[in-house]
N, C-alpha and C. Protein backbone atom coordinates (compact mmCIF):
# COMPACT_ATOMS: atom_id res chain seq x y z
N UNK A 1 -70.25 -74.89 -31.96
CA UNK A 1 -69.48 -73.68 -31.83
C UNK A 1 -69.26 -73.31 -30.35
N UNK A 2 -68.09 -72.89 -29.97
CA UNK A 2 -67.73 -72.62 -28.60
C UNK A 2 -68.12 -71.16 -28.34
N UNK A 3 -68.72 -70.93 -27.14
CA UNK A 3 -68.94 -69.57 -26.65
C UNK A 3 -67.72 -69.05 -26.06
N UNK A 4 -67.39 -67.76 -26.32
CA UNK A 4 -66.16 -67.16 -25.81
C UNK A 4 -66.52 -65.95 -24.95
N UNK A 5 -65.95 -65.86 -23.77
CA UNK A 5 -66.19 -64.68 -22.87
C UNK A 5 -64.83 -64.06 -22.63
N UNK A 6 -64.78 -62.73 -22.59
CA UNK A 6 -63.53 -62.03 -22.43
C UNK A 6 -63.56 -61.22 -21.16
N UNK A 7 -62.43 -61.12 -20.50
CA UNK A 7 -62.22 -60.23 -19.35
C UNK A 7 -60.87 -59.56 -19.51
N UNK A 8 -60.82 -58.31 -19.00
CA UNK A 8 -59.61 -57.54 -19.09
C UNK A 8 -59.23 -56.98 -17.73
N UNK A 9 -58.03 -57.35 -17.25
CA UNK A 9 -57.60 -56.95 -15.92
C UNK A 9 -56.56 -55.81 -15.99
N UNK A 10 -56.70 -54.90 -15.02
CA UNK A 10 -55.77 -53.80 -14.86
C UNK A 10 -54.53 -54.38 -14.13
N UNK A 11 -53.34 -54.29 -14.81
CA UNK A 11 -52.09 -54.69 -14.22
C UNK A 11 -51.24 -53.53 -13.87
N UNK A 12 -49.96 -53.64 -14.15
CA UNK A 12 -48.97 -52.65 -13.77
C UNK A 12 -49.15 -51.30 -14.43
N UNK A 13 -49.21 -50.22 -13.80
CA UNK A 13 -48.87 -49.96 -12.37
C UNK A 13 -49.98 -49.99 -11.39
N UNK A 14 -51.24 -50.26 -11.84
CA UNK A 14 -52.42 -50.30 -10.92
C UNK A 14 -52.22 -51.38 -9.93
N UNK A 15 -51.74 -52.51 -10.28
CA UNK A 15 -51.38 -53.59 -9.31
C UNK A 15 -50.18 -54.31 -9.98
N UNK A 16 -49.37 -54.97 -9.11
CA UNK A 16 -48.21 -55.62 -9.70
C UNK A 16 -48.66 -57.01 -10.28
N UNK A 17 -47.66 -57.67 -10.99
CA UNK A 17 -47.98 -58.87 -11.70
C UNK A 17 -48.45 -59.99 -10.82
N UNK A 18 -47.93 -60.09 -9.59
CA UNK A 18 -48.38 -61.08 -8.68
C UNK A 18 -49.85 -60.83 -8.22
N UNK A 19 -50.16 -59.61 -7.90
CA UNK A 19 -51.55 -59.26 -7.56
C UNK A 19 -52.47 -59.45 -8.75
N UNK A 20 -52.04 -59.18 -9.95
CA UNK A 20 -52.80 -59.42 -11.14
C UNK A 20 -53.14 -60.93 -11.27
N UNK A 21 -52.17 -61.81 -11.11
CA UNK A 21 -52.38 -63.22 -11.22
C UNK A 21 -53.40 -63.70 -10.08
N UNK A 22 -53.14 -63.11 -8.89
CA UNK A 22 -54.09 -63.52 -7.78
C UNK A 22 -55.51 -63.12 -8.18
N UNK A 23 -55.74 -62.05 -8.81
CA UNK A 23 -57.09 -61.60 -9.19
C UNK A 23 -57.64 -62.51 -10.26
N UNK A 24 -56.77 -62.93 -11.22
CA UNK A 24 -57.17 -63.83 -12.22
C UNK A 24 -57.56 -65.20 -11.70
N UNK A 25 -56.74 -65.70 -10.71
CA UNK A 25 -57.12 -66.97 -10.00
C UNK A 25 -58.41 -66.87 -9.29
N UNK A 26 -58.67 -65.73 -8.69
CA UNK A 26 -59.99 -65.54 -8.00
C UNK A 26 -61.12 -65.64 -8.99
N UNK A 27 -60.99 -64.99 -10.14
CA UNK A 27 -61.96 -65.03 -11.19
C UNK A 27 -62.23 -66.44 -11.64
N UNK A 28 -61.11 -67.17 -11.98
CA UNK A 28 -61.32 -68.51 -12.51
C UNK A 28 -61.80 -69.56 -11.53
N UNK A 29 -61.43 -69.43 -10.28
CA UNK A 29 -61.85 -70.39 -9.23
C UNK A 29 -63.09 -69.91 -8.51
N UNK A 30 -63.56 -68.70 -8.80
CA UNK A 30 -64.75 -68.13 -8.12
C UNK A 30 -64.59 -68.09 -6.64
N UNK A 31 -63.29 -67.97 -6.21
CA UNK A 31 -63.00 -67.92 -4.77
C UNK A 31 -63.04 -69.21 -4.06
N UNK A 32 -63.29 -70.32 -4.75
CA UNK A 32 -63.42 -71.68 -4.15
C UNK A 32 -62.09 -72.33 -3.97
N UNK A 33 -61.86 -73.03 -2.90
CA UNK A 33 -60.69 -73.85 -2.68
C UNK A 33 -60.92 -75.13 -3.47
N UNK A 34 -59.83 -75.81 -3.87
CA UNK A 34 -59.92 -77.03 -4.55
C UNK A 34 -58.66 -77.26 -5.39
N UNK A 35 -58.75 -78.36 -6.18
CA UNK A 35 -57.57 -78.75 -7.03
C UNK A 35 -57.22 -77.60 -7.96
N UNK A 36 -58.16 -77.07 -8.63
CA UNK A 36 -57.89 -76.04 -9.65
C UNK A 36 -57.14 -74.82 -8.98
N UNK A 37 -57.69 -74.40 -7.89
CA UNK A 37 -56.99 -73.27 -7.18
C UNK A 37 -55.59 -73.63 -6.80
N UNK A 38 -55.40 -74.86 -6.25
CA UNK A 38 -54.04 -75.29 -5.84
C UNK A 38 -53.11 -75.29 -7.03
N UNK A 39 -53.54 -75.83 -8.23
CA UNK A 39 -52.69 -75.91 -9.42
C UNK A 39 -52.41 -74.46 -9.91
N UNK A 40 -53.39 -73.59 -9.87
CA UNK A 40 -53.17 -72.23 -10.37
C UNK A 40 -52.20 -71.49 -9.43
N UNK A 41 -52.36 -71.71 -8.13
CA UNK A 41 -51.42 -71.08 -7.15
C UNK A 41 -50.01 -71.63 -7.26
N UNK A 42 -49.88 -72.90 -7.63
CA UNK A 42 -48.58 -73.51 -7.72
C UNK A 42 -47.67 -72.85 -8.82
N UNK A 43 -48.38 -72.31 -9.86
CA UNK A 43 -47.62 -71.68 -10.98
C UNK A 43 -47.58 -70.17 -10.88
N UNK A 44 -47.86 -69.62 -9.69
CA UNK A 44 -47.87 -68.16 -9.51
C UNK A 44 -46.65 -67.49 -9.96
N UNK A 45 -45.47 -67.98 -9.64
CA UNK A 45 -44.21 -67.28 -10.06
C UNK A 45 -44.06 -67.27 -11.59
N UNK A 46 -44.35 -68.29 -12.25
CA UNK A 46 -44.20 -68.38 -13.68
C UNK A 46 -45.24 -67.44 -14.35
N UNK A 47 -46.52 -67.53 -13.91
CA UNK A 47 -47.59 -66.71 -14.46
C UNK A 47 -47.31 -65.21 -14.22
N UNK A 48 -46.85 -64.85 -13.03
CA UNK A 48 -46.53 -63.51 -12.69
C UNK A 48 -45.41 -62.92 -13.59
N UNK A 49 -44.43 -63.81 -13.89
CA UNK A 49 -43.31 -63.47 -14.73
C UNK A 49 -43.80 -63.08 -16.13
N UNK A 50 -44.71 -63.88 -16.66
CA UNK A 50 -45.28 -63.64 -18.02
C UNK A 50 -46.15 -62.36 -17.99
N UNK A 51 -46.89 -62.14 -16.96
CA UNK A 51 -47.63 -60.95 -16.84
C UNK A 51 -46.70 -59.72 -16.77
N UNK A 52 -45.61 -59.80 -15.94
CA UNK A 52 -44.65 -58.73 -15.86
C UNK A 52 -44.02 -58.44 -17.22
N UNK A 53 -43.91 -59.45 -18.11
CA UNK A 53 -43.37 -59.25 -19.40
C UNK A 53 -44.42 -58.75 -20.37
N UNK A 54 -45.61 -58.51 -19.91
CA UNK A 54 -46.78 -57.98 -20.65
C UNK A 54 -47.22 -58.97 -21.70
N UNK A 55 -47.01 -60.27 -21.57
CA UNK A 55 -47.45 -61.25 -22.56
C UNK A 55 -48.97 -61.21 -22.80
N UNK A 56 -49.73 -61.07 -21.67
CA UNK A 56 -51.25 -61.05 -21.95
C UNK A 56 -51.79 -59.70 -22.34
N UNK A 57 -50.97 -58.87 -22.90
CA UNK A 57 -51.46 -57.55 -23.35
C UNK A 57 -52.23 -57.71 -24.66
N UNK A 58 -51.66 -58.44 -25.56
CA UNK A 58 -52.30 -58.64 -26.89
C UNK A 58 -52.73 -60.12 -27.13
N UNK A 59 -52.11 -61.02 -26.44
CA UNK A 59 -52.45 -62.43 -26.52
C UNK A 59 -53.10 -62.86 -25.21
N UNK A 60 -54.30 -63.46 -25.23
CA UNK A 60 -54.95 -63.71 -23.95
C UNK A 60 -54.44 -64.95 -23.20
N UNK A 61 -54.66 -64.99 -21.90
CA UNK A 61 -54.68 -66.14 -21.14
C UNK A 61 -55.98 -66.85 -21.45
N UNK A 62 -55.91 -68.12 -21.83
CA UNK A 62 -57.22 -68.77 -22.17
C UNK A 62 -57.52 -69.95 -21.28
N UNK A 63 -58.71 -69.90 -20.77
CA UNK A 63 -59.23 -70.97 -19.87
C UNK A 63 -60.28 -71.73 -20.66
N UNK A 64 -60.10 -73.03 -20.80
CA UNK A 64 -61.12 -73.89 -21.44
C UNK A 64 -61.70 -74.85 -20.46
N UNK A 65 -62.90 -75.24 -20.65
CA UNK A 65 -63.63 -76.20 -19.77
C UNK A 65 -64.79 -76.84 -20.49
N UNK A 66 -65.66 -77.47 -19.78
CA UNK A 66 -66.79 -78.11 -20.43
C UNK A 66 -67.89 -77.03 -20.78
N UNK A 67 -67.62 -75.81 -20.44
CA UNK A 67 -68.54 -74.64 -20.77
C UNK A 67 -67.88 -73.72 -21.68
N UNK A 68 -68.22 -72.44 -21.58
CA UNK A 68 -67.61 -71.36 -22.37
C UNK A 68 -66.11 -71.23 -22.20
N UNK A 69 -65.45 -70.77 -23.22
CA UNK A 69 -64.01 -70.48 -23.19
C UNK A 69 -63.84 -69.05 -22.63
N UNK A 70 -62.86 -68.84 -21.73
CA UNK A 70 -62.60 -67.50 -21.16
C UNK A 70 -61.25 -67.00 -21.67
N UNK A 71 -61.27 -65.79 -22.22
CA UNK A 71 -60.07 -65.14 -22.60
C UNK A 71 -59.82 -64.00 -21.66
N UNK A 72 -58.54 -63.87 -21.14
CA UNK A 72 -58.20 -62.90 -20.14
C UNK A 72 -57.06 -62.08 -20.70
N UNK A 73 -57.27 -60.81 -20.82
CA UNK A 73 -56.24 -59.92 -21.28
C UNK A 73 -55.82 -59.02 -20.11
N UNK A 74 -54.71 -58.38 -20.16
CA UNK A 74 -54.20 -57.41 -19.13
C UNK A 74 -53.91 -56.07 -19.79
N UNK A 75 -54.23 -55.04 -18.97
CA UNK A 75 -53.91 -53.65 -19.34
C UNK A 75 -52.62 -53.29 -18.61
N UNK A 76 -51.85 -52.47 -19.25
CA UNK A 76 -50.58 -51.98 -18.69
C UNK A 76 -50.40 -50.51 -18.89
N UNK A 77 -49.48 -49.91 -18.11
CA UNK A 77 -49.15 -48.50 -18.16
C UNK A 77 -50.37 -47.60 -18.01
N UNK A 78 -50.49 -46.60 -18.91
CA UNK A 78 -51.63 -45.61 -18.77
C UNK A 78 -52.97 -46.35 -18.83
N UNK A 79 -53.08 -47.37 -19.69
CA UNK A 79 -54.35 -48.11 -19.81
C UNK A 79 -54.73 -48.72 -18.47
N UNK A 80 -53.72 -49.13 -17.77
CA UNK A 80 -53.99 -49.79 -16.42
C UNK A 80 -54.41 -48.72 -15.41
N UNK A 81 -53.81 -47.55 -15.50
CA UNK A 81 -54.11 -46.52 -14.57
C UNK A 81 -55.53 -46.00 -14.72
N UNK A 82 -55.91 -45.71 -15.94
CA UNK A 82 -57.28 -45.22 -16.21
C UNK A 82 -58.31 -46.31 -16.12
N UNK A 83 -58.00 -47.44 -16.66
CA UNK A 83 -58.87 -48.61 -16.51
C UNK A 83 -60.17 -48.55 -17.35
N UNK A 84 -60.23 -47.65 -18.33
CA UNK A 84 -61.48 -47.46 -19.12
C UNK A 84 -61.89 -48.75 -19.82
N UNK A 85 -60.94 -49.60 -20.26
CA UNK A 85 -61.24 -50.79 -20.98
C UNK A 85 -61.24 -52.05 -20.07
N UNK A 86 -61.11 -51.88 -18.78
CA UNK A 86 -61.06 -52.99 -17.87
C UNK A 86 -62.45 -53.59 -17.70
N UNK A 87 -62.51 -54.93 -17.54
CA UNK A 87 -63.71 -55.63 -17.20
C UNK A 87 -63.25 -56.84 -16.31
N UNK A 88 -63.37 -56.65 -15.06
CA UNK A 88 -62.98 -57.68 -14.08
C UNK A 88 -64.18 -58.32 -13.43
N UNK A 89 -65.37 -58.19 -14.01
CA UNK A 89 -66.58 -58.69 -13.44
C UNK A 89 -66.61 -60.19 -13.38
N UNK A 90 -67.29 -60.69 -12.32
CA UNK A 90 -67.37 -62.16 -12.15
C UNK A 90 -68.08 -62.76 -13.37
N UNK A 91 -67.77 -64.03 -13.59
CA UNK A 91 -68.39 -64.73 -14.75
C UNK A 91 -69.74 -65.33 -14.32
N UNK A 92 -70.62 -65.50 -15.22
CA UNK A 92 -71.91 -66.06 -14.89
C UNK A 92 -71.96 -67.56 -15.09
N UNK A 93 -70.82 -68.19 -15.10
CA UNK A 93 -70.66 -69.65 -15.24
C UNK A 93 -69.39 -70.05 -14.50
N UNK A 94 -69.21 -71.36 -14.35
CA UNK A 94 -68.02 -71.92 -13.73
C UNK A 94 -66.96 -72.11 -14.77
N UNK A 95 -65.87 -71.23 -14.79
CA UNK A 95 -64.89 -71.22 -15.84
C UNK A 95 -63.96 -72.38 -15.85
N UNK A 96 -63.89 -73.18 -14.78
CA UNK A 96 -63.06 -74.38 -14.73
C UNK A 96 -63.86 -75.63 -14.46
N UNK A 97 -65.06 -75.70 -15.04
CA UNK A 97 -65.95 -76.77 -14.86
C UNK A 97 -65.53 -78.02 -15.69
N UNK A 98 -65.52 -79.18 -15.03
CA UNK A 98 -65.22 -80.40 -15.81
C UNK A 98 -63.77 -80.52 -16.19
N UNK A 99 -63.59 -80.87 -17.43
CA UNK A 99 -62.20 -81.08 -17.99
C UNK A 99 -61.66 -79.66 -18.38
N UNK A 100 -60.87 -79.04 -17.54
CA UNK A 100 -60.44 -77.66 -17.76
C UNK A 100 -58.91 -77.65 -18.10
N UNK A 101 -58.54 -76.48 -18.61
CA UNK A 101 -57.14 -76.23 -18.90
C UNK A 101 -56.93 -74.70 -19.02
N UNK A 102 -55.70 -74.31 -18.77
CA UNK A 102 -55.35 -72.90 -18.91
C UNK A 102 -54.12 -72.82 -19.79
N UNK A 103 -54.17 -71.94 -20.75
CA UNK A 103 -53.02 -71.66 -21.69
C UNK A 103 -52.49 -70.28 -21.50
N UNK A 104 -51.22 -70.17 -21.12
CA UNK A 104 -50.64 -68.86 -20.88
C UNK A 104 -49.81 -68.42 -22.12
N UNK A 105 -50.00 -67.16 -22.57
CA UNK A 105 -49.17 -66.66 -23.67
C UNK A 105 -47.72 -66.43 -23.17
N UNK A 106 -46.76 -66.75 -24.01
CA UNK A 106 -45.40 -66.62 -23.60
C UNK A 106 -44.54 -66.18 -24.77
N UNK A 107 -43.57 -65.28 -24.55
CA UNK A 107 -42.65 -64.89 -25.65
C UNK A 107 -41.89 -66.19 -26.07
N UNK A 108 -41.68 -66.30 -27.39
CA UNK A 108 -41.07 -67.51 -27.98
C UNK A 108 -39.72 -67.84 -27.31
N UNK A 109 -38.93 -66.84 -27.04
CA UNK A 109 -37.62 -67.11 -26.49
C UNK A 109 -37.63 -67.63 -25.08
N UNK A 110 -38.75 -67.57 -24.40
CA UNK A 110 -38.86 -68.06 -23.01
C UNK A 110 -39.70 -69.31 -22.93
N UNK A 111 -40.23 -69.74 -23.99
CA UNK A 111 -41.13 -70.93 -24.09
C UNK A 111 -40.61 -72.12 -23.47
N UNK A 112 -39.38 -72.51 -23.69
CA UNK A 112 -38.72 -73.75 -23.22
C UNK A 112 -38.80 -73.81 -21.71
N UNK A 113 -38.20 -72.82 -21.00
CA UNK A 113 -38.16 -72.88 -19.60
C UNK A 113 -39.50 -72.67 -18.91
N UNK A 114 -40.39 -71.91 -19.55
CA UNK A 114 -41.73 -71.74 -18.99
C UNK A 114 -42.52 -73.09 -19.05
N UNK A 115 -42.45 -73.78 -20.18
CA UNK A 115 -43.20 -75.06 -20.32
C UNK A 115 -42.65 -76.07 -19.32
N UNK A 116 -41.32 -76.09 -19.16
CA UNK A 116 -40.70 -77.05 -18.17
C UNK A 116 -41.22 -76.71 -16.76
N UNK A 117 -41.16 -75.45 -16.41
CA UNK A 117 -41.61 -75.05 -15.06
C UNK A 117 -43.03 -75.36 -14.77
N UNK A 118 -43.89 -75.09 -15.75
CA UNK A 118 -45.32 -75.38 -15.58
C UNK A 118 -45.60 -76.88 -15.48
N UNK A 119 -44.89 -77.63 -16.27
CA UNK A 119 -45.07 -79.13 -16.23
C UNK A 119 -44.79 -79.76 -14.85
N UNK A 120 -43.95 -79.14 -14.14
CA UNK A 120 -43.59 -79.61 -12.77
C UNK A 120 -44.81 -79.53 -11.80
N UNK A 121 -45.71 -78.58 -12.11
CA UNK A 121 -46.81 -78.36 -11.22
C UNK A 121 -48.18 -78.78 -11.69
N UNK A 122 -48.30 -78.86 -13.04
CA UNK A 122 -49.66 -79.14 -13.53
C UNK A 122 -49.62 -79.55 -14.96
N UNK A 123 -50.48 -80.54 -15.34
CA UNK A 123 -50.59 -80.92 -16.77
C UNK A 123 -51.73 -80.12 -17.44
N UNK A 124 -52.46 -79.41 -16.61
CA UNK A 124 -53.63 -78.60 -17.16
C UNK A 124 -53.21 -77.16 -17.55
N UNK A 125 -52.12 -76.71 -17.01
CA UNK A 125 -51.68 -75.32 -17.21
C UNK A 125 -50.43 -75.41 -18.18
N UNK A 126 -50.61 -74.82 -19.37
CA UNK A 126 -49.54 -74.90 -20.35
C UNK A 126 -49.19 -73.50 -20.84
N UNK A 127 -48.07 -73.40 -21.60
CA UNK A 127 -47.69 -72.12 -22.20
C UNK A 127 -47.71 -72.34 -23.70
N UNK A 128 -47.95 -71.31 -24.46
CA UNK A 128 -47.94 -71.33 -25.91
C UNK A 128 -47.23 -70.06 -26.36
N UNK A 129 -46.64 -70.13 -27.58
CA UNK A 129 -46.07 -68.93 -28.19
C UNK A 129 -47.14 -67.88 -28.30
N UNK A 130 -46.91 -66.69 -27.80
CA UNK A 130 -47.93 -65.68 -27.80
C UNK A 130 -48.31 -65.27 -29.21
N UNK A 131 -47.50 -65.57 -30.21
CA UNK A 131 -47.84 -65.19 -31.60
C UNK A 131 -48.83 -66.24 -32.17
N UNK A 132 -49.02 -67.34 -31.46
CA UNK A 132 -49.89 -68.45 -32.02
C UNK A 132 -51.21 -68.43 -31.27
N UNK A 133 -52.26 -68.72 -31.95
CA UNK A 133 -53.60 -68.79 -31.32
C UNK A 133 -53.80 -70.16 -30.71
N UNK A 134 -55.03 -70.33 -30.26
CA UNK A 134 -55.45 -71.58 -29.67
C UNK A 134 -56.36 -72.27 -30.68
N UNK A 135 -56.10 -73.58 -30.99
CA UNK A 135 -56.86 -74.29 -31.93
C UNK A 135 -58.28 -74.58 -31.27
N UNK A 136 -59.30 -74.35 -32.02
CA UNK A 136 -60.62 -74.70 -31.54
C UNK A 136 -60.93 -76.18 -31.99
N UNK A 137 -61.91 -76.79 -31.38
CA UNK A 137 -62.24 -78.13 -31.81
C UNK A 137 -62.63 -78.17 -33.30
N UNK A 138 -63.38 -77.17 -33.78
CA UNK A 138 -63.71 -77.14 -35.16
C UNK A 138 -62.45 -77.19 -36.05
N UNK A 139 -61.46 -76.38 -35.70
CA UNK A 139 -60.23 -76.38 -36.47
C UNK A 139 -59.51 -77.75 -36.38
N UNK A 140 -59.52 -78.34 -35.23
CA UNK A 140 -58.90 -79.67 -35.09
C UNK A 140 -59.64 -80.75 -35.95
N UNK A 141 -60.99 -80.64 -35.95
CA UNK A 141 -61.75 -81.54 -36.72
C UNK A 141 -61.54 -81.34 -38.20
N UNK A 142 -61.43 -80.05 -38.63
CA UNK A 142 -61.17 -79.75 -40.00
C UNK A 142 -59.81 -80.34 -40.43
N UNK A 143 -58.86 -80.18 -39.55
CA UNK A 143 -57.50 -80.69 -39.83
C UNK A 143 -57.52 -82.22 -40.02
N UNK A 144 -58.29 -82.91 -39.23
CA UNK A 144 -58.41 -84.34 -39.30
C UNK A 144 -59.19 -84.71 -40.63
N UNK A 145 -60.12 -83.90 -41.03
CA UNK A 145 -60.89 -84.24 -42.20
C UNK A 145 -60.04 -84.16 -43.46
N UNK A 146 -58.93 -83.40 -43.40
CA UNK A 146 -58.07 -83.26 -44.53
C UNK A 146 -56.83 -84.16 -44.55
N UNK A 147 -56.78 -85.12 -43.60
CA UNK A 147 -55.69 -86.01 -43.55
C UNK A 147 -55.76 -87.01 -44.73
N UNK A 148 -54.56 -87.37 -45.19
CA UNK A 148 -54.46 -88.21 -46.42
C UNK A 148 -53.74 -89.49 -46.09
N UNK A 149 -54.32 -90.62 -46.44
CA UNK A 149 -53.68 -91.87 -46.28
C UNK A 149 -52.90 -92.16 -47.57
N UNK A 150 -51.62 -91.74 -47.52
CA UNK A 150 -50.81 -91.85 -48.69
C UNK A 150 -50.59 -93.24 -49.22
N UNK A 151 -50.47 -94.25 -48.28
CA UNK A 151 -50.33 -95.66 -48.70
C UNK A 151 -51.56 -96.14 -49.47
N UNK A 152 -52.70 -95.80 -48.93
CA UNK A 152 -53.95 -96.22 -49.56
C UNK A 152 -54.13 -95.49 -50.90
N UNK A 153 -53.73 -94.22 -50.96
CA UNK A 153 -53.86 -93.50 -52.23
C UNK A 153 -52.95 -94.01 -53.29
N UNK A 154 -51.74 -94.39 -52.95
CA UNK A 154 -50.82 -94.91 -53.96
C UNK A 154 -51.24 -96.32 -54.45
N UNK A 155 -51.88 -97.12 -53.60
CA UNK A 155 -52.33 -98.44 -54.04
C UNK A 155 -53.53 -98.41 -54.98
N UNK A 156 -54.23 -97.29 -54.98
CA UNK A 156 -55.39 -97.23 -55.87
C UNK A 156 -55.08 -96.90 -57.26
């Protein structure tokens, strides 16, 4: 079973979408320079656009790695001003350790151009329809357990 940690960032109007993405990059990279930071910085424009559209309000940005999964939500409007539900604390683990990936929530009508733009910069940073969740390994394994070999079945 995967451990999941959640953080919630104050966005607009407390900080703009670009500043929000910068804060998220700082959290995920723990302020360290490296490939992960470079890849996350390379998609700043696209990520900031999704934040400006309030995509991570109800659907999280999800970072996966060899350790716990990190879900990142954003607060907007009055919630961002007051910040009562914000939690921008540093993580007690390395959120991009080993084989990592980041999934950005995206409105369905923007998914095509966002996926194309992200692909130019990184294979680890993807976009998904914000109405869809992220499959866990247990769900993937369960799906594989239910596969049917139709040819073998018909021969029996």
